[in-house]
C-alpha atoms as a PDB file:
ATOM      1  CA  MET A   1     119.185 131.174 -43.714  1.00  0.00           C
ATOM      2  CA  PRO A   2     119.106 133.385 -40.578  1.00  0.00           C
ATOM      3  CA  ASP A   3     119.832 131.786 -36.873  1.00  0.00           C
ATOM      4  CA  TYR A   4     117.332 129.522 -35.914  1.00  0.00           C
ATOM      5  CA  THR A   5     118.851 128.707 -32.630  1.00  0.00           C
ATOM      6  CA  GLY A   6     116.235 128.631 -29.703  1.00  0.00           C
ATOM      7  CA  VAL A   7     113.240 128.376 -32.019  1.00  0.00           C
ATOM      8  CA  PRO A   8     110.704 125.433 -31.972  1.00  0.00           C
ATOM      9  CA  GLN A   9     112.056 122.375 -33.658  1.00  0.00           C
ATOM     10  CA  MET A  10     108.809 121.859 -35.791  1.00  0.00           C
ATOM     11  CA  LEU A  11     109.523 125.355 -37.442  1.00  0.00           C
ATOM     12  CA  ILE A  12     113.319 124.301 -37.974  1.00  0.00           C
ATOM     13  CA  ASP A  13     112.121 121.198 -39.615  1.00  0.00           C
ATOM     14  CA  THR A  14     109.484 123.125 -41.855  1.00  0.00           C
ATOM     15  CA  VAL A  15     112.022 125.532 -42.848  1.00  0.00           C
ATOM     16  CA  GLN A  16     114.627 122.869 -43.823  1.00  0.00           C
ATOM     17  CA  MET A  17     111.753 120.968 -45.761  1.00  0.00           C
ATOM     18  CA  PHE A  18     110.907 123.982 -47.661  1.00  0.00           C
ATOM     19  CA  SER A  19     114.686 124.945 -48.538  1.00  0.00           C
ATOM     20  CA  ALA A  20     115.270 121.481 -50.181  1.00  0.00           C
ATOM     21  CA  MET A  21     112.224 122.023 -52.486  1.00  0.00           C
ATOM     22  CA  ASP A  22     112.445 123.805 -55.693  1.00  0.00           C
ATOM     23  CA  ARG A  23     109.964 126.436 -56.450  1.00  0.00           C
ATOM     24  CA  SER A  24     107.415 124.402 -58.228  1.00  0.00           C
ATOM     25  CA  GLU A  25     107.353 121.913 -55.392  1.00  0.00           C
ATOM     26  CA  ARG A  26     107.094 124.766 -52.839  1.00  0.00           C
ATOM     27  CA  ILE A  27     104.166 126.462 -54.427  1.00  0.00           C
ATOM     28  CA  GLN A  28     102.070 123.281 -54.387  1.00  0.00           C
ATOM     29  CA  THR A  29     103.111 122.419 -50.892  1.00  0.00           C
ATOM     30  CA  LEU A  30     101.979 125.872 -49.645  1.00  0.00           C
ATOM     31  CA  ILE A  31      98.804 125.370 -51.629  1.00  0.00           C
ATOM     32  CA  ASP A  32      98.184 121.858 -50.210  1.00  0.00           C
ATOM     33  CA  LEU A  33      99.001 123.483 -46.809  1.00  0.00           C
ATOM     34  CA  GLY A  34      96.173 126.374 -47.296  1.00  0.00           C
ATOM     35  CA  THR A  35      93.635 123.661 -48.072  1.00  0.00           C
ATOM     36  CA  LYS A  36      94.173 122.560 -44.428  1.00  0.00           C
ATOM     37  CA  PHE A  37      93.377 125.805 -42.803  1.00  0.00           C
ATOM     38  CA  LYS A  38      90.588 125.911 -40.104  1.00  0.00           C
ATOM     39  CA  PRO A  39      89.384 129.467 -39.088  1.00  0.00           C
ATOM     40  CA  VAL A  40      89.374 130.581 -35.421  1.00  0.00           C
ATOM     41  CA  PRO A  41      86.646 128.673 -33.505  1.00  0.00           C
ATOM     42  CA  ALA A  42      83.692 130.604 -32.325  1.00  0.00           C
ATOM     43  CA  GLU A  43      84.329 129.713 -28.739  1.00  0.00           C
ATOM     44  CA  ILE A  44      87.717 131.988 -29.172  1.00  0.00           C
ATOM     45  CA  ALA A  45      86.407 134.766 -31.423  1.00  0.00           C
ATOM     46  CA  THR A  46      83.506 135.577 -33.685  1.00  0.00           C
ATOM     47  CA  GLN A  47      83.145 138.211 -36.251  1.00  0.00           C
ATOM     48  CA  PRO A  48      83.297 140.988 -36.361  1.00  0.00           C
ATOM     49  CA  TYR A  49      86.922 140.675 -34.823  1.00  0.00           C
ATOM     50  CA  PRO A  50      88.706 143.276 -32.790  1.00  0.00           C
ATOM     51  CA  GLU A  51      90.967 145.637 -34.778  1.00  0.00           C
ATOM     52  CA  SER A  52      93.670 144.715 -32.394  1.00  0.00           C
ATOM     53  CA  GLN A  53      93.947 141.256 -33.544  1.00  0.00           C
ATOM     54  CA  ARG A  54      93.995 142.070 -37.192  1.00  0.00           C
ATOM     55  CA  VAL A  55      97.253 141.630 -38.672  1.00  0.00           C
ATOM     56  CA  PRO A  56      98.931 144.957 -40.007  1.00  0.00           C
ATOM     57  CA  HIS A  57      99.631 145.167 -43.852  1.00  0.00           C
ATOM     58  CA  CYS A  58      97.994 141.854 -44.535  1.00  0.00           C
ATOM     59  CA  GLU A  59      96.419 141.872 -47.966  1.00  0.00           C
ATOM     60  CA  SER A  60      94.349 138.814 -46.939  1.00  0.00           C
ATOM     61  CA  GLU A  61      92.836 140.502 -43.912  1.00  0.00           C
ATOM     62  CA  ALA A  62      94.153 137.769 -41.366  1.00  0.00           C
ATOM     63  CA  PHE A  63      93.572 137.926 -37.860  1.00  0.00           C
ATOM     64  CA  VAL A  64      95.696 136.197 -35.090  1.00  0.00           C
ATOM     65  CA  PHE A  65      94.316 134.859 -31.690  1.00  0.00           C
ATOM     66  CA  ALA A  66      96.306 133.500 -28.630  1.00  0.00           C
ATOM     67  CA  GLU A  67      94.778 131.130 -26.264  1.00  0.00           C
ATOM     68  CA  PRO A  68      96.619 130.551 -22.999  1.00  0.00           C
ATOM     69  CA  LEU A  69      96.976 126.861 -22.357  1.00  0.00           C
ATOM     70  CA  ASN A  70      97.409 125.292 -18.670  1.00  0.00           C
ATOM     71  CA  ASP A  71     101.071 124.861 -19.199  1.00  0.00           C
ATOM     72  CA  GLY A  72     101.663 128.639 -19.622  1.00  0.00           C
ATOM     73  CA  SER A  73     102.074 128.176 -23.661  1.00  0.00           C
ATOM     74  CA  LEU A  74      99.879 129.576 -26.181  1.00  0.00           C
ATOM     75  CA  LYS A  75      97.512 127.907 -28.751  1.00  0.00           C
ATOM     76  CA  PHE A  76      97.334 130.094 -31.881  1.00  0.00           C
ATOM     77  CA  HIS A  77      94.256 130.523 -33.987  1.00  0.00           C
ATOM     78  CA  PHE A  78      93.752 132.494 -37.151  1.00  0.00           C
ATOM     79  CA  ASP A  79      91.149 133.696 -39.634  1.00  0.00           C
ATOM     80  CA  VAL A  80      91.843 134.733 -43.120  1.00  0.00           C
ATOM     81  CA  LEU A  81      88.867 136.760 -44.645  1.00  0.00           C
ATOM     82  CA  ASN A  82      90.094 136.999 -48.135  1.00  0.00           C
ATOM     83  CA  PRO A  83      89.092 133.441 -49.610  1.00  0.00           C
ATOM     84  CA  GLN A  84      92.023 133.739 -52.273  1.00  0.00           C
ATOM     85  CA  GLY A  85      94.421 134.423 -49.309  1.00  0.00           C
ATOM     86  CA  ILE A  86      96.219 130.917 -49.823  1.00  0.00           C
ATOM     87  CA  SER A  87      99.652 132.159 -48.573  1.00  0.00           C
ATOM     88  CA  ALA A  88      98.069 133.494 -45.448  1.00  0.00           C
ATOM     89  CA  LYS A  89      96.072 130.606 -44.737  1.00  0.00           C
ATOM     90  CA  ALA A  90      99.360 128.251 -45.318  1.00  0.00           C
ATOM     91  CA  THR A  91     101.221 130.608 -42.922  1.00  0.00           C
ATOM     92  CA  ALA A  92      98.551 130.039 -40.262  1.00  0.00           C
ATOM     93  CA  VAL A  93      98.743 126.288 -40.701  1.00  0.00           C
ATOM     94  CA  ILE A  94     102.584 126.499 -40.348  1.00  0.00           C
ATOM     95  CA  LEU A  95     102.596 128.860 -37.451  1.00  0.00           C
ATOM     96  CA  ASP A  96      99.654 127.038 -35.534  1.00  0.00           C
ATOM     97  CA  ARG A  97     101.702 123.437 -35.856  1.00  0.00           C
ATOM     98  CA  ALA A  98     105.002 125.063 -35.230  1.00  0.00           C
ATOM     99  CA  LEU A  99     104.270 127.768 -32.426  1.00  0.00           C
ATOM    100  CA  SER A 100     101.264 126.480 -30.591  1.00  0.00           C
ATOM    101  CA  GLY A 101     102.283 124.840 -27.182  1.00  0.00           C
ATOM    102  CA  ALA A 102     106.021 125.782 -27.809  1.00  0.00           C
ATOM    103  CA  PRO A 103     107.828 127.425 -24.859  1.00  0.00           C
ATOM    104  CA  LEU A 104     107.268 131.057 -25.143  1.00  0.00           C
ATOM    105  CA  ASP A 105     111.060 131.936 -25.340  1.00  0.00           C
ATOM    106  CA  GLN A 106     111.235 129.788 -28.345  1.00  0.00           C
ATOM    107  CA  VAL A 107     108.382 131.768 -30.045  1.00  0.00           C
ATOM    108  CA  ILE A 108     109.879 134.851 -29.188  1.00  0.00           C
ATOM    109  CA  ALA A 109     113.298 133.662 -30.857  1.00  0.00           C
ATOM    110  CA  VAL A 110     111.644 133.022 -34.265  1.00  0.00           C
ATOM    111  CA  PRO A 111     113.632 135.237 -37.014  1.00  0.00           C
ATOM    112  CA  ALA A 112     111.183 137.782 -38.724  1.00  0.00           C
ATOM    113  CA  ASP A 113     112.403 136.577 -42.151  1.00  0.00           C
ATOM    114  CA  VAL A 114     111.222 133.145 -41.411  1.00  0.00           C
ATOM    115  CA  ILE A 115     108.787 133.961 -44.310  1.00  0.00           C
ATOM    116  CA  TYR A 116     111.275 134.139 -47.074  1.00  0.00           C
ATOM    117  CA  ASP A 117     112.988 130.830 -45.657  1.00  0.00           C
ATOM    118  CA  ILE A 118     109.530 129.049 -46.389  1.00  0.00           C
ATOM    119  CA  PHE A 119     108.119 131.090 -49.257  1.00  0.00           C
ATOM    120  CA  GLY A 120     111.312 131.868 -51.171  1.00  0.00           C
ATOM    121  CA  ARG A 121     113.029 135.155 -51.869  1.00  0.00           C
ATOM    122  CA  GLU A 122     110.672 135.826 -54.913  1.00  0.00           C
ATOM    123  CA  LEU A 123     107.815 136.579 -52.639  1.00  0.00           C
ATOM    124  CA  SER A 124     106.416 140.213 -53.203  1.00  0.00           C
ATOM    125  CA  MET A 125     107.322 142.898 -50.662  1.00  0.00           C
ATOM    126  CA  GLY A 126     103.491 143.530 -49.967  1.00  0.00           C
ATOM    127  CA  LYS A 127     102.919 139.907 -49.356  1.00  0.00           C
ATOM    128  CA  ASN A 128     106.188 139.450 -47.214  1.00  0.00           C
ATOM    129  CA  MET A 129     104.947 142.486 -44.865  1.00  0.00           C
ATOM    130  CA  GLY A 130     101.459 140.747 -44.204  1.00  0.00           C
ATOM    131  CA  LEU A 131     102.895 137.336 -43.586  1.00  0.00           C
ATOM    132  CA  THR A 132     105.684 138.559 -41.395  1.00  0.00           C
ATOM    133  CA  GLY A 133     103.025 140.428 -39.560  1.00  0.00           C
ATOM    134  CA  MET A 134     101.596 137.232 -38.751  1.00  0.00           C
ATOM    135  CA  VAL A 135     104.753 135.920 -37.266  1.00  0.00           C
ATOM    136  CA  ASN A 136     105.193 139.286 -35.286  1.00  0.00           C
ATOM    137  CA  MET A 137     101.829 138.824 -33.935  1.00  0.00           C
ATOM    138  CA  CYS A 138     102.839 135.432 -32.770  1.00  0.00           C
ATOM    139  CA  LYS A 139     105.834 136.814 -31.233  1.00  0.00           C
ATOM    140  CA  ALA A 140     104.090 139.735 -29.682  1.00  0.00           C
ATOM    141  CA  ALA A 141     101.451 137.374 -27.798  1.00  0.00           C
ATOM    142  CA  ALA A 142     104.193 135.111 -26.461  1.00  0.00           C
ATOM    143  CA  ALA A 143     106.118 138.134 -25.068  1.00  0.00           C
ATOM    144  CA  GLN A 144     102.873 139.530 -23.382  1.00  0.00           C
ATOM    145  CA  GLN A 145     102.213 136.147 -21.846  1.00  0.00           C
ATOM    146  CA  ARG A 146     105.598 135.736 -20.602  1.00  0.00           C
ATOM    147  CA  ASP A 147     105.313 139.135 -19.046  1.00  0.00           C
ATOM    148  CA  ARG A 148     102.110 138.384 -17.491  1.00  0.00           C
ATOM    149  CA  ALA A 149     103.461 135.250 -16.148  1.00  0.00           C
ATOM    150  CA  ALA A 150     106.553 137.038 -14.638  1.00  0.00           C
ATOM    151  CA  SER A 151     104.555 139.734 -12.957  1.00  0.00           C
END
């Protein structure tokens, strides 16, 4: 498991929960999480979404939006246009729960291969690239927010 020092505790708890599961439990839990997905609210963004918010390499046509909160942190919102994009929807739920409202430095510290720790090593390279892209967009939004606050 990669180094999770300095990342949000909710994400650490999530990774530990998934690492304790066998493959079938993990799959069922991810499917269940995917059903809890709620797309980005209209007051944040409406379709057609800007291409700058599109997750690169994501087969499920996912988009990431970061809303600045009063405390300087971010609330993450997602949309997944492919109705079959269960993995992307589950990832969106996990990232929203674990990263929204977290200190920016903790979001930036999230290791890129957290996706493998959640989904397991049998994840296809294409799917991993898209889901990792969702993580990377959250990290980039946090870095931009931190830089704006510092200037």
